[in-house]
Amino acid sequence: MRDEEEIREQYEFLTEQLESEDMDHEGVRQMFTYYKRAIGWVLEEEHM
C-alpha cells in the first residue's frame, strides 16, 4: 500500500497534468479526470 505522501504527490502531479495547456485531447483529459477523482476518494476514505 502506498503511503499518504506518495498518494498526495501523485494527486498533485495529475492535477498539474490535467490543467496543462498541452492536455487538449478530450480522451486523455477524461482519463486524468477519472484518476484524479479516484485518488481523491482514496484520500477522503482514509480520513473519515
C-alpha atoms as a PDB file:
ATOM      1  CA  MET A   1       0.000   0.000   0.000  1.00  0.00           C
ATOM      2  CA  ARG A   2       1.278   3.464  -0.818  1.00  0.00           C
ATOM      3  CA  ASP A   3       1.840   5.951   1.944  1.00  0.00           C
ATOM      4  CA  GLU A   4      -0.157   9.163   2.116  1.00  0.00           C
ATOM      5  CA  GLU A   5       2.705  11.371   0.914  1.00  0.00           C
ATOM      6  CA  GLU A   6       3.141   9.301  -2.261  1.00  0.00           C
ATOM      7  CA  ILE A   7      -0.612   9.428  -2.957  1.00  0.00           C
ATOM      8  CA  ARG A   8      -0.679  13.203  -2.435  1.00  0.00           C
ATOM      9  CA  GLU A   9       2.302  13.667  -4.779  1.00  0.00           C
ATOM     10  CA  GLN A  10       0.554  11.589  -7.451  1.00  0.00           C
ATOM     11  CA  TYR A  11      -2.660  13.588  -6.966  1.00  0.00           C
ATOM     12  CA  GLU A  12      -0.777  16.883  -7.361  1.00  0.00           C
ATOM     13  CA  PHE A  13       1.029  15.561 -10.448  1.00  0.00           C
ATOM     14  CA  LEU A  14      -2.253  14.525 -12.069  1.00  0.00           C
ATOM     15  CA  THR A  15      -3.841  17.872 -11.197  1.00  0.00           C
ATOM     16  CA  GLU A  16      -0.956  19.737 -12.841  1.00  0.00           C
ATOM     17  CA  GLN A  17      -1.140  17.482 -15.903  1.00  0.00           C
ATOM     18  CA  LEU A  18      -4.885  17.973 -16.186  1.00  0.00           C
ATOM     19  CA  GLU A  19      -4.538  21.770 -16.032  1.00  0.00           C
ATOM     20  CA  SER A  20      -1.645  21.838 -18.527  1.00  0.00           C
ATOM     21  CA  GLU A  21      -2.332  23.568 -21.832  1.00  0.00           C
ATOM     22  CA  ASP A  22      -0.727  20.587 -23.601  1.00  0.00           C
ATOM     23  CA  MET A  23      -3.613  18.414 -22.374  1.00  0.00           C
ATOM     24  CA  ASP A  24      -6.020  19.196 -25.177  1.00  0.00           C
ATOM     25  CA  HIS A  25      -7.122  15.739 -26.304  1.00  0.00           C
ATOM     26  CA  GLU A  26     -10.513  15.092 -24.716  1.00  0.00           C
ATOM     27  CA  GLY A  27      -9.973  11.351 -24.167  1.00  0.00           C
ATOM     28  CA  VAL A  28      -6.718  11.936 -22.282  1.00  0.00           C
ATOM     29  CA  ARG A  29      -8.296  14.760 -20.273  1.00  0.00           C
ATOM     30  CA  GLN A  30     -11.159  12.475 -19.309  1.00  0.00           C
ATOM     31  CA  MET A  31      -8.747   9.711 -18.239  1.00  0.00           C
ATOM     32  CA  PHE A  32      -6.835  12.084 -15.962  1.00  0.00           C
ATOM     33  CA  THR A  33     -10.125  13.342 -14.514  1.00  0.00           C
ATOM     34  CA  TYR A  34     -11.080   9.787 -13.555  1.00  0.00           C
ATOM     35  CA  TYR A  35      -7.693   9.088 -11.966  1.00  0.00           C
ATOM     36  CA  LYS A  36      -7.783  12.402 -10.092  1.00  0.00           C
ATOM     37  CA  ARG A  37     -11.266  11.607  -8.758  1.00  0.00           C
ATOM     38  CA  ALA A  38     -10.269   8.072  -7.709  1.00  0.00           C
ATOM     39  CA  ILE A  39      -7.198   9.272  -5.812  1.00  0.00           C
ATOM     40  CA  GLY A  40      -9.304  11.958  -4.113  1.00  0.00           C
ATOM     41  CA  TRP A  41     -11.765   9.294  -2.955  1.00  0.00           C
ATOM     42  CA  VAL A  42      -8.928   7.194  -1.509  1.00  0.00           C
ATOM     43  CA  LEU A  43      -7.646  10.178   0.462  1.00  0.00           C
ATOM     44  CA  GLU A  44     -11.162  11.011   1.656  1.00  0.00           C
ATOM     45  CA  GLU A  45     -11.896   7.457   2.823  1.00  0.00           C
ATOM     46  CA  GLU A  46      -8.657   7.255   4.788  1.00  0.00           C
ATOM     47  CA  HIS A  47      -9.567  10.344   6.807  1.00  0.00           C
ATOM     48  CA  MET A  48     -13.200   9.516   7.608  1.00  0.00           C
END
